[in-house]
Amino acid sequence: MSRLGGVFADLKSNGRKGVIPYVVAGDPTPEGTVHLLHQLVAAGADVLEVGVPFSDPMSEGPVIQKGHERALENGMTLRKVLEIVAAFRRDNQNTPVVMMGYANPIERFGYDAFASACAEAGVDGLITVDLPPEEVDQIDQALLAVSLDNIFLISPTTPESRIQTIVDRARGFIYCVAVKGVTGSGQLDTEAVAQSVALIRSKTPLPVAVGFGIKDADSARVVASSADAVVVGSALIAEMERASQTDGDIGEIQIHGAAVQLLQSIRAGVDTPLS
């Protein structure tokens, strides 16, 4: 069983829901990202989602876009993201790591070489935002050869017939997008999210994680009541950005601390049953 499969199986057997934080590799600095990942695990993360900085992150809202820009200014590349994952793996062999990125850098790397590099670094799954299931045959073969999970997004506007096409190709878990639009945008309609999750569950036994709209403990608790896991990204990056702009001399440990504190709150919210 893969690390992702093992984590979701353990969560289910223990009657718990997962928490998946998203961070951009290299933001606020490449040197601090490994430390941040370990801190997030200590704060209650079950799976880590690591964003690969890209010049045109079309699915991301302004907050995460700025994170990508800062990381690129810091010299981040796809190879350096893999180095960060490898460094994290030296001290953590258990927490699954999912990379989220875009097709262009992966195609330039070469599918087979990329899949092999991911496996060597300790990556467990891949979300390629702009690569639809109809176009994944080549990369999927490469990922399957090294036992990596290919994870897909399903949005509120995805037709039911297309949902079946997506889940037939997916492994690891399904990423259910909670709002229409980019990350951090839109009003979270928890009833609509529950309906989307139920529809996806009717078509696949894979776990369902919900993201794009989880901002705090309350929203996480409500969404977790129907999903297997919640994904939080924009809110964490926004907290770090706010901390970095605080008056006075503030170090990266304090910046990370803002994200850790929010994740601890979200962990507590997910673990608190709805009244």
Protein backbone atom coordinates (compact mmCIF):
# COMPACT_ATOMS: atom_id res chain seq x y z
CA MET A 1 0.00 0.00 0.00
CA SER A 2 1.24 3.48 -0.83
CA ARG A 3 1.91 6.08 1.86
CA LEU A 4 -1.23 7.94 0.76
CA GLY A 5 -3.32 4.80 0.90
CA GLY A 6 -1.95 3.93 4.32
CA VAL A 7 -2.68 7.36 5.78
CA PHE A 8 -6.25 7.45 4.52
CA ALA A 9 -6.85 3.88 5.70
CA ASP A 10 -5.56 4.78 9.17
CA LEU A 11 -7.73 7.91 9.30
CA LYS A 12 -10.81 5.90 8.35
CA SER A 13 -10.14 3.13 10.84
CA ASN A 14 -9.72 5.69 13.61
CA GLY A 15 -12.81 7.70 12.64
CA ARG A 16 -10.75 10.81 11.87
CA LYS A 17 -10.53 13.23 8.98
CA GLY A 18 -7.34 14.40 7.30
CA VAL A 19 -5.74 17.82 7.17
CA ILE A 20 -3.64 18.70 4.12
CA PRO A 21 -1.74 22.02 4.14
CA TYR A 22 -0.50 23.51 0.88
CA VAL A 23 2.66 25.61 0.73
CA VAL A 24 4.69 26.96 -2.17
CA ALA A 25 8.19 25.52 -2.19
CA GLY A 26 10.68 28.33 -1.68
CA ASP A 27 8.24 30.80 -0.10
CA PRO A 28 9.25 32.73 1.91
CA THR A 29 12.70 31.15 1.41
CA PRO A 30 14.01 27.90 -0.08
CA GLU A 31 16.15 27.28 3.03
CA GLY A 32 13.17 27.45 5.36
CA THR A 33 10.70 25.30 3.45
CA VAL A 34 11.94 21.98 4.83
CA HIS A 35 11.66 23.28 8.38
CA LEU A 36 8.15 24.58 7.64
CA LEU A 37 7.06 21.17 6.34
CA HIS A 38 8.24 19.49 9.54
CA GLN A 39 6.45 22.12 11.62
CA LEU A 40 3.20 21.55 9.74
CA VAL A 41 3.42 17.82 10.39
CA ALA A 42 3.96 18.52 14.09
CA ALA A 43 0.91 20.83 13.99
CA GLY A 44 -1.33 18.02 12.72
CA ALA A 45 -0.86 17.66 8.96
CA ASP A 46 -1.63 14.18 7.65
CA VAL A 47 -0.48 14.83 4.06
CA LEU A 48 1.67 17.67 2.69
CA GLU A 49 0.90 19.40 -0.59
CA VAL A 50 3.90 21.21 -2.06
CA GLY A 51 3.33 23.75 -4.81
CA VAL A 52 5.85 23.91 -7.64
CA PRO A 53 6.44 27.60 -8.45
CA PHE A 54 5.31 28.50 -11.96
CA SER A 55 5.09 31.77 -13.87
CA ASP A 56 1.43 31.29 -14.85
CA PRO A 57 -0.36 29.39 -12.04
CA MET A 58 -3.81 29.64 -13.60
CA SER A 59 -5.75 27.93 -10.82
CA GLU A 60 -4.33 30.14 -8.09
CA GLY A 61 -5.78 33.32 -6.64
CA PRO A 62 -3.76 36.45 -5.80
CA VAL A 63 -2.40 35.17 -2.48
CA ILE A 64 -0.84 32.00 -3.87
CA GLN A 65 0.20 33.75 -7.08
CA LYS A 66 2.32 36.09 -4.97
CA GLY A 67 3.81 33.06 -3.25
CA HIS A 68 4.79 31.65 -6.64
CA GLU A 69 6.33 34.98 -7.62
CA ARG A 70 8.36 35.20 -4.42
CA ALA A 71 9.59 31.62 -4.84
CA LEU A 72 10.63 32.21 -8.44
CA GLU A 73 12.47 35.36 -7.39
CA ASN A 74 14.25 33.16 -4.86
CA GLY A 75 15.51 30.99 -7.72
CA MET A 76 13.20 28.01 -7.25
CA THR A 77 13.04 25.39 -10.01
CA LEU A 78 11.40 22.01 -10.33
CA ARG A 79 14.70 20.29 -9.49
CA LYS A 80 15.07 22.41 -6.37
CA VAL A 81 11.55 21.48 -5.27
CA LEU A 82 12.57 17.84 -5.53
CA GLU A 83 15.65 18.61 -3.46
CA ILE A 84 13.40 20.10 -0.77
CA VAL A 85 11.26 16.94 -0.71
CA ALA A 86 14.37 14.77 -0.51
CA ALA A 87 15.67 16.84 2.42
CA PHE A 88 12.31 16.49 4.19
CA ARG A 89 12.40 12.72 3.64
CA ARG A 90 15.70 12.37 5.46
CA ASP A 91 13.84 12.94 8.75
CA ASN A 92 10.32 11.87 7.84
CA GLN A 93 9.58 8.63 6.02
CA ASN A 94 5.89 8.47 6.90
CA THR A 95 4.03 11.64 5.87
CA PRO A 96 2.88 11.55 2.23
CA VAL A 97 4.02 14.40 0.00
CA VAL A 98 1.97 15.45 -3.01
CA MET A 99 3.42 17.87 -5.55
CA MET A 100 1.04 20.27 -7.26
CA GLY A 101 2.15 21.99 -10.42
CA TYR A 102 1.70 22.57 -14.13
CA ALA A 103 2.52 20.57 -17.23
CA ASN A 104 5.15 22.79 -18.88
CA PRO A 105 8.03 22.27 -16.40
CA ILE A 106 7.27 18.54 -16.21
CA GLU A 107 7.27 18.17 -20.00
CA ARG A 108 10.59 20.03 -20.21
CA PHE A 109 12.02 17.71 -17.56
CA GLY A 110 10.79 14.63 -19.44
CA TYR A 111 8.06 12.37 -18.09
CA ASP A 112 10.18 9.31 -17.36
CA ALA A 113 13.03 11.33 -15.87
CA PHE A 114 10.59 13.36 -13.80
CA ALA A 115 8.77 10.31 -12.43
CA SER A 116 12.07 8.67 -11.51
CA ALA A 117 13.30 11.85 -9.82
CA CYS A 118 10.04 12.09 -7.85
CA ALA A 119 10.32 8.51 -6.66
CA GLU A 120 13.95 9.01 -5.65
CA ALA A 121 13.09 12.20 -3.73
CA GLY A 122 10.19 10.59 -1.90
CA VAL A 123 7.18 12.15 -3.63
CA ASP A 124 3.98 10.12 -3.32
CA GLY A 125 1.55 11.79 -5.69
CA LEU A 126 1.20 14.43 -8.37
CA ILE A 127 -1.48 16.98 -9.21
CA THR A 128 -0.94 18.52 -12.65
CA VAL A 129 -3.54 21.25 -12.79
CA ASP A 130 -3.59 21.81 -16.54
CA LEU A 131 -3.27 18.20 -17.71
CA PRO A 132 -6.75 16.69 -18.23
CA PRO A 133 -7.39 12.94 -17.99
CA GLU A 134 -7.65 12.65 -21.78
CA GLU A 135 -3.99 13.70 -22.07
CA VAL A 136 -2.32 11.82 -19.22
CA ASP A 137 -1.47 8.50 -20.86
CA GLN A 138 2.24 9.21 -21.32
CA ILE A 139 2.90 10.71 -17.89
CA ASP A 140 0.62 8.17 -16.23
CA GLN A 141 2.67 5.30 -17.58
CA ALA A 142 5.78 6.93 -16.16
CA LEU A 143 4.14 7.50 -12.76
CA LEU A 144 2.74 3.97 -12.61
CA ALA A 145 6.19 2.55 -13.32
CA VAL A 146 7.44 4.05 -10.05
CA SER A 147 4.17 3.61 -8.07
CA LEU A 148 3.25 7.31 -7.86
CA ASP A 149 -0.39 8.35 -7.55
CA ASN A 150 -1.93 10.61 -10.19
CA ILE A 151 -4.42 12.93 -8.47
CA PHE A 152 -7.10 14.95 -10.27
CA LEU A 153 -9.26 17.97 -9.50
CA ILE A 154 -13.04 17.89 -9.81
CA SER A 155 -14.71 21.30 -9.80
CA PRO A 156 -18.30 22.37 -9.03
CA THR A 157 -18.90 22.77 -12.77
CA THR A 158 -17.58 19.33 -13.81
CA PRO A 159 -20.39 17.41 -15.59
CA GLU A 160 -21.36 14.09 -14.04
CA SER A 161 -20.28 12.15 -17.12
CA ARG A 162 -16.82 13.73 -16.92
CA ILE A 163 -16.53 12.95 -13.22
CA GLN A 164 -16.61 9.27 -14.13
CA THR A 165 -13.84 9.80 -16.71
CA ILE A 166 -11.71 11.52 -14.08
CA VAL A 167 -12.17 9.01 -11.27
CA ASP A 168 -11.40 6.15 -13.64
CA ARG A 169 -7.90 7.60 -14.10
CA ALA A 170 -7.29 8.82 -10.55
CA ARG A 171 -5.24 7.24 -7.77
CA GLY A 172 -4.49 8.27 -4.21
CA PHE A 173 -7.48 10.54 -3.62
CA ILE A 174 -9.84 12.89 -5.44
CA TYR A 175 -9.35 16.63 -4.95
CA CYS A 176 -12.82 18.20 -4.85
CA VAL A 177 -12.73 21.94 -5.55
CA ALA A 178 -15.18 23.63 -3.18
CA VAL A 179 -15.76 26.93 -5.00
CA LYS A 180 -16.06 28.21 -8.54
CA GLY A 181 -12.95 30.12 -9.46
CA VAL A 182 -9.36 30.20 -8.28
CA THR A 183 -7.92 29.41 -4.86
CA GLY A 184 -9.01 31.73 -2.10
CA SER A 185 -11.97 33.09 -4.06
CA GLY A 186 -15.71 32.72 -3.78
CA GLN A 187 -18.11 31.99 -0.96
CA LEU A 188 -17.99 28.48 0.46
CA ASP A 189 -21.36 26.76 0.08
CA THR A 190 -21.02 23.81 2.43
CA GLU A 191 -24.30 22.19 1.35
CA ALA A 192 -23.16 22.25 -2.28
CA VAL A 193 -19.80 20.81 -1.24
CA ALA A 194 -21.51 17.94 0.59
CA GLN A 195 -23.58 17.21 -2.53
CA SER A 196 -20.45 17.22 -4.71
CA VAL A 197 -18.66 14.87 -2.34
CA ALA A 198 -21.65 12.50 -2.29
CA LEU A 199 -21.74 12.45 -6.08
CA ILE A 200 -18.02 11.67 -6.30
CA ARG A 201 -18.37 8.94 -3.67
CA SER A 202 -21.08 7.28 -5.75
CA LYS A 203 -18.53 6.79 -8.53
CA THR A 204 -15.31 5.83 -6.75
CA PRO A 205 -14.05 4.29 -3.48
CA LEU A 206 -11.13 6.74 -3.44
CA PRO A 207 -10.96 9.21 -0.52
CA VAL A 208 -12.21 12.73 -1.25
CA ALA A 209 -10.29 15.80 -0.08
CA VAL A 210 -11.89 19.25 -0.36
CA GLY A 211 -9.98 22.47 -0.91
CA PHE A 212 -10.21 25.98 -2.42
CA GLY A 213 -12.14 27.77 0.32
CA ILE A 214 -11.06 26.37 3.69
CA LYS A 215 -10.07 29.44 5.67
CA ASP A 216 -10.49 28.64 9.37
CA ALA A 217 -11.49 26.06 11.95
CA ASP A 218 -15.22 26.56 11.41
CA SER A 219 -15.16 26.06 7.63
CA ALA A 220 -12.81 23.09 8.06
CA ARG A 221 -15.08 21.43 10.62
CA VAL A 222 -18.18 21.72 8.42
CA VAL A 223 -16.44 20.50 5.27
CA ALA A 224 -14.77 17.63 7.12
CA SER A 225 -18.18 16.33 8.16
CA SER A 226 -18.72 15.16 4.55
CA ALA A 227 -15.17 14.86 3.17
CA ASP A 228 -12.28 12.56 4.07
CA ALA A 229 -9.83 15.48 4.31
CA VAL A 230 -9.62 19.24 4.00
CA VAL A 231 -6.95 21.15 2.09
CA VAL A 232 -5.88 24.62 3.24
CA GLY A 233 -3.50 26.79 1.23
CA SER A 234 -4.35 30.44 0.65
CA ALA A 235 -5.15 31.05 4.31
CA LEU A 236 -1.77 29.68 5.43
CA ILE A 237 0.18 31.71 2.88
CA ALA A 238 -1.81 34.83 3.72
CA GLU A 239 -0.96 34.39 7.42
CA MET A 240 2.75 34.13 6.62
CA GLU A 241 2.58 37.17 4.38
CA ARG A 242 0.84 39.20 7.10
CA ALA A 243 3.41 38.10 9.65
CA SER A 244 6.28 39.10 7.36
CA GLN A 245 4.82 42.61 7.06
CA THR A 246 4.60 43.12 10.81
CA ASP A 247 6.51 46.12 12.10
CA GLY A 248 9.80 45.22 13.68
CA ASP A 249 12.48 42.64 13.07
CA ILE A 250 10.73 39.31 12.51
CA GLY A 251 12.48 36.13 11.51
CA GLU A 252 11.36 33.21 9.39
CA ILE A 253 10.60 31.12 12.47
CA GLN A 254 8.00 33.69 13.50
CA ILE A 255 6.63 33.83 9.95
CA HIS A 256 6.25 30.06 9.91
CA GLY A 257 4.67 30.25 13.35
CA ALA A 258 1.72 32.19 11.95
CA ALA A 259 0.95 29.34 9.53
CA VAL A 260 1.51 26.70 12.19
CA GLN A 261 -0.88 28.42 14.58
CA LEU A 262 -3.61 28.54 11.93
CA LEU A 263 -3.07 24.89 11.03
CA GLN A 264 -3.32 23.89 14.68
CA SER A 265 -6.64 25.72 14.84
CA ILE A 266 -7.88 23.95 11.71
CA ARG A 267 -6.72 20.59 13.09
CA ALA A 268 -8.72 21.25 16.23
CA GLY A 269 -11.75 22.26 14.16
CA VAL A 270 -11.61 19.11 12.06
CA ASP A 271 -11.32 16.98 15.19
CA THR A 272 -14.37 18.62 16.80
CA PRO A 273 -17.68 16.97 15.80
CA LEU A 274 -20.51 19.19 14.56
CA SER A 275 -23.02 19.90 17.32
